[in-house]
Amino acid sequence: MDKKELLFIYLEGCPYCQKASHALEGIFAEHPEYKEIPLVRVSETKEPEKLQGRNYYYCPTFFYGDEKVYEAAPGDSEEKMDKILRDFYQKAMQG
């Protein structure tokens, strides 16, 4: 089954990006099958050329193909990120 990549745009040292990474670790521990969808991490500061044309403001931001799955907002909790990412994976694995 050929799946698109999930693009994870992050900043080094960003506490929200760390929350998102931690949420992903838990999701993958419970559902290793979700790793069938390649997760591509791109540092906003180290690889900005890979992000041209992407419409986002905050990190972390996730794109699945051209669809923005999630863009963090100040104050977002790890629980919110976890729920959004779990919902994404559940739907993506079905489709």
C-alpha atoms as a PDB file:
ATOM      1  CA  MET A   1       0.000   0.000   0.000  1.00  0.00           C
ATOM      2  CA  ASP A   2       1.525   3.294  -1.074  1.00  0.00           C
ATOM      3  CA  LYS A   3       0.961   6.066   1.456  1.00  0.00           C
ATOM      4  CA  LYS A   4       1.851   9.736   1.219  1.00  0.00           C
ATOM      5  CA  GLU A   5       4.359  11.136   3.677  1.00  0.00           C
ATOM      6  CA  LEU A   6       3.449  12.996   6.831  1.00  0.00           C
ATOM      7  CA  LEU A   7       5.638  16.094   6.923  1.00  0.00           C
ATOM      8  CA  PHE A   8       6.549  17.247  10.449  1.00  0.00           C
ATOM      9  CA  ILE A   9       7.886  20.822  10.428  1.00  0.00           C
ATOM     10  CA  TYR A  10       9.717  21.610  13.645  1.00  0.00           C
ATOM     11  CA  LEU A  11      12.127  24.007  15.319  1.00  0.00           C
ATOM     12  CA  GLU A  12      15.104  22.886  17.387  1.00  0.00           C
ATOM     13  CA  GLY A  13      14.438  23.387  21.102  1.00  0.00           C
ATOM     14  CA  CYS A  14      10.752  24.251  20.620  1.00  0.00           C
ATOM     15  CA  PRO A  15       8.724  22.951  23.587  1.00  0.00           C
ATOM     16  CA  TYR A  16       5.626  22.469  21.407  1.00  0.00           C
ATOM     17  CA  CYS A  17       7.627  20.456  18.881  1.00  0.00           C
ATOM     18  CA  GLN A  18       8.934  18.332  21.747  1.00  0.00           C
ATOM     19  CA  LYS A  19       5.330  17.724  22.888  1.00  0.00           C
ATOM     20  CA  ALA A  20       4.407  16.635  19.363  1.00  0.00           C
ATOM     21  CA  SER A  21       7.410  14.273  19.198  1.00  0.00           C
ATOM     22  CA  HIS A  22       6.458  12.774  22.544  1.00  0.00           C
ATOM     23  CA  ALA A  23       2.856  12.307  21.392  1.00  0.00           C
ATOM     24  CA  LEU A  24       4.087  10.545  18.242  1.00  0.00           C
ATOM     25  CA  GLU A  25       6.283   8.201  20.303  1.00  0.00           C
ATOM     26  CA  GLY A  26       3.247   7.120  22.307  1.00  0.00           C
ATOM     27  CA  ILE A  27       1.086   6.724  19.219  1.00  0.00           C
ATOM     28  CA  PHE A  28       3.703   4.585  17.454  1.00  0.00           C
ATOM     29  CA  ALA A  29       4.238   2.473  20.591  1.00  0.00           C
ATOM     30  CA  GLU A  30       0.524   1.622  20.648  1.00  0.00           C
ATOM     31  CA  HIS A  31       0.067   1.408  16.860  1.00  0.00           C
ATOM     32  CA  PRO A  32       3.289   0.353  15.121  1.00  0.00           C
ATOM     33  CA  GLU A  33       1.278  -0.101  11.918  1.00  0.00           C
ATOM     34  CA  TYR A  34       1.031   3.700  11.683  1.00  0.00           C
ATOM     35  CA  LYS A  35       4.716   3.711  10.758  1.00  0.00           C
ATOM     36  CA  GLU A  36       3.585   2.530   7.317  1.00  0.00           C
ATOM     37  CA  ILE A  37       2.992   6.223   6.630  1.00  0.00           C
ATOM     38  CA  PRO A  38       6.479   7.713   6.350  1.00  0.00           C
ATOM     39  CA  LEU A  39       7.141  10.511   8.839  1.00  0.00           C
ATOM     40  CA  VAL A  40       9.504  13.108   7.405  1.00  0.00           C
ATOM     41  CA  ARG A  41      10.902  15.606   9.904  1.00  0.00           C
ATOM     42  CA  VAL A  42      12.100  18.898   8.441  1.00  0.00           C
ATOM     43  CA  SER A  43      13.826  21.565  10.521  1.00  0.00           C
ATOM     44  CA  GLU A  44      12.495  24.993   9.659  1.00  0.00           C
ATOM     45  CA  THR A  45      15.893  26.578  10.313  1.00  0.00           C
ATOM     46  CA  LYS A  46      18.161  23.897   8.819  1.00  0.00           C
ATOM     47  CA  GLU A  47      16.167  23.011   5.689  1.00  0.00           C
ATOM     48  CA  PRO A  48      13.941  25.978   4.794  1.00  0.00           C
ATOM     49  CA  GLU A  49      14.257  25.208   1.081  1.00  0.00           C
ATOM     50  CA  LYS A  50      12.159  22.055   1.622  1.00  0.00           C
ATOM     51  CA  LEU A  51       9.307  24.157   2.990  1.00  0.00           C
ATOM     52  CA  GLN A  52       8.821  26.637   0.151  1.00  0.00           C
ATOM     53  CA  GLY A  53       5.176  27.009  -0.757  1.00  0.00           C
ATOM     54  CA  ARG A  54       3.944  25.683   2.598  1.00  0.00           C
ATOM     55  CA  ASN A  55       1.436  27.991   4.262  1.00  0.00           C
ATOM     56  CA  TYR A  56       1.962  27.940   8.027  1.00  0.00           C
ATOM     57  CA  TYR A  57       3.062  30.235  10.847  1.00  0.00           C
ATOM     58  CA  TYR A  58       3.624  28.143  13.971  1.00  0.00           C
ATOM     59  CA  CYS A  59       5.634  25.014  14.652  1.00  0.00           C
ATOM     60  CA  PRO A  60       5.017  22.201  14.853  1.00  0.00           C
ATOM     61  CA  THR A  61       2.981  21.915  11.690  1.00  0.00           C
ATOM     62  CA  PHE A  62       2.062  18.685   9.933  1.00  0.00           C
ATOM     63  CA  PHE A  63       1.156  18.260   6.266  1.00  0.00           C
ATOM     64  CA  TYR A  64      -0.096  15.106   4.573  1.00  0.00           C
ATOM     65  CA  GLY A  65       0.558  15.765   0.934  1.00  0.00           C
ATOM     66  CA  ASP A  66      -0.803  19.281   0.415  1.00  0.00           C
ATOM     67  CA  GLU A  67      -3.306  19.025   3.275  1.00  0.00           C
ATOM     68  CA  LYS A  68      -2.435  20.755   6.534  1.00  0.00           C
ATOM     69  CA  VAL A  69      -3.245  18.235   9.260  1.00  0.00           C
ATOM     70  CA  TYR A  70      -2.318  20.351  12.264  1.00  0.00           C
ATOM     71  CA  GLU A  71      -0.653  23.655  13.058  1.00  0.00           C
ATOM     72  CA  ALA A  72       0.138  24.349  16.693  1.00  0.00           C
ATOM     73  CA  ALA A  73      -1.182  27.413  18.428  1.00  0.00           C
ATOM     74  CA  PRO A  74       0.250  29.006  21.560  1.00  0.00           C
ATOM     75  CA  GLY A  75      -0.973  27.096  24.588  1.00  0.00           C
ATOM     76  CA  ASP A  76      -1.760  23.832  22.809  1.00  0.00           C
ATOM     77  CA  SER A  77      -1.380  20.827  25.083  1.00  0.00           C
ATOM     78  CA  GLU A  78       0.262  17.519  24.295  1.00  0.00           C
ATOM     79  CA  GLU A  79      -3.161  15.926  24.795  1.00  0.00           C
ATOM     80  CA  LYS A  80      -4.637  18.074  22.013  1.00  0.00           C
ATOM     81  CA  MET A  81      -1.755  17.189  19.677  1.00  0.00           C
ATOM     82  CA  ASP A  82      -2.105  13.510  20.570  1.00  0.00           C
ATOM     83  CA  LYS A  83      -5.819  13.484  19.743  1.00  0.00           C
ATOM     84  CA  ILE A  84      -5.388  15.297  16.422  1.00  0.00           C
ATOM     85  CA  LEU A  85      -2.523  13.034  15.348  1.00  0.00           C
ATOM     86  CA  ARG A  86      -4.354   9.865  16.420  1.00  0.00           C
ATOM     87  CA  ASP A  87      -7.428  10.963  14.454  1.00  0.00           C
ATOM     88  CA  PHE A  88      -5.245  11.698  11.433  1.00  0.00           C
ATOM     89  CA  TYR A  89      -3.546   8.293  11.504  1.00  0.00           C
ATOM     90  CA  GLN A  90      -6.811   6.444  11.997  1.00  0.00           C
ATOM     91  CA  LYS A  91      -8.358   8.145   8.934  1.00  0.00           C
ATOM     92  CA  ALA A  92      -5.193   7.898   6.808  1.00  0.00           C
ATOM     93  CA  MET A  93      -4.860   4.174   7.420  1.00  0.00           C
ATOM     94  CA  GLN A  94      -8.441   3.616   6.263  1.00  0.00           C
ATOM     95  CA  GLY A  95      -8.058   5.624   3.091  1.00  0.00           C
END
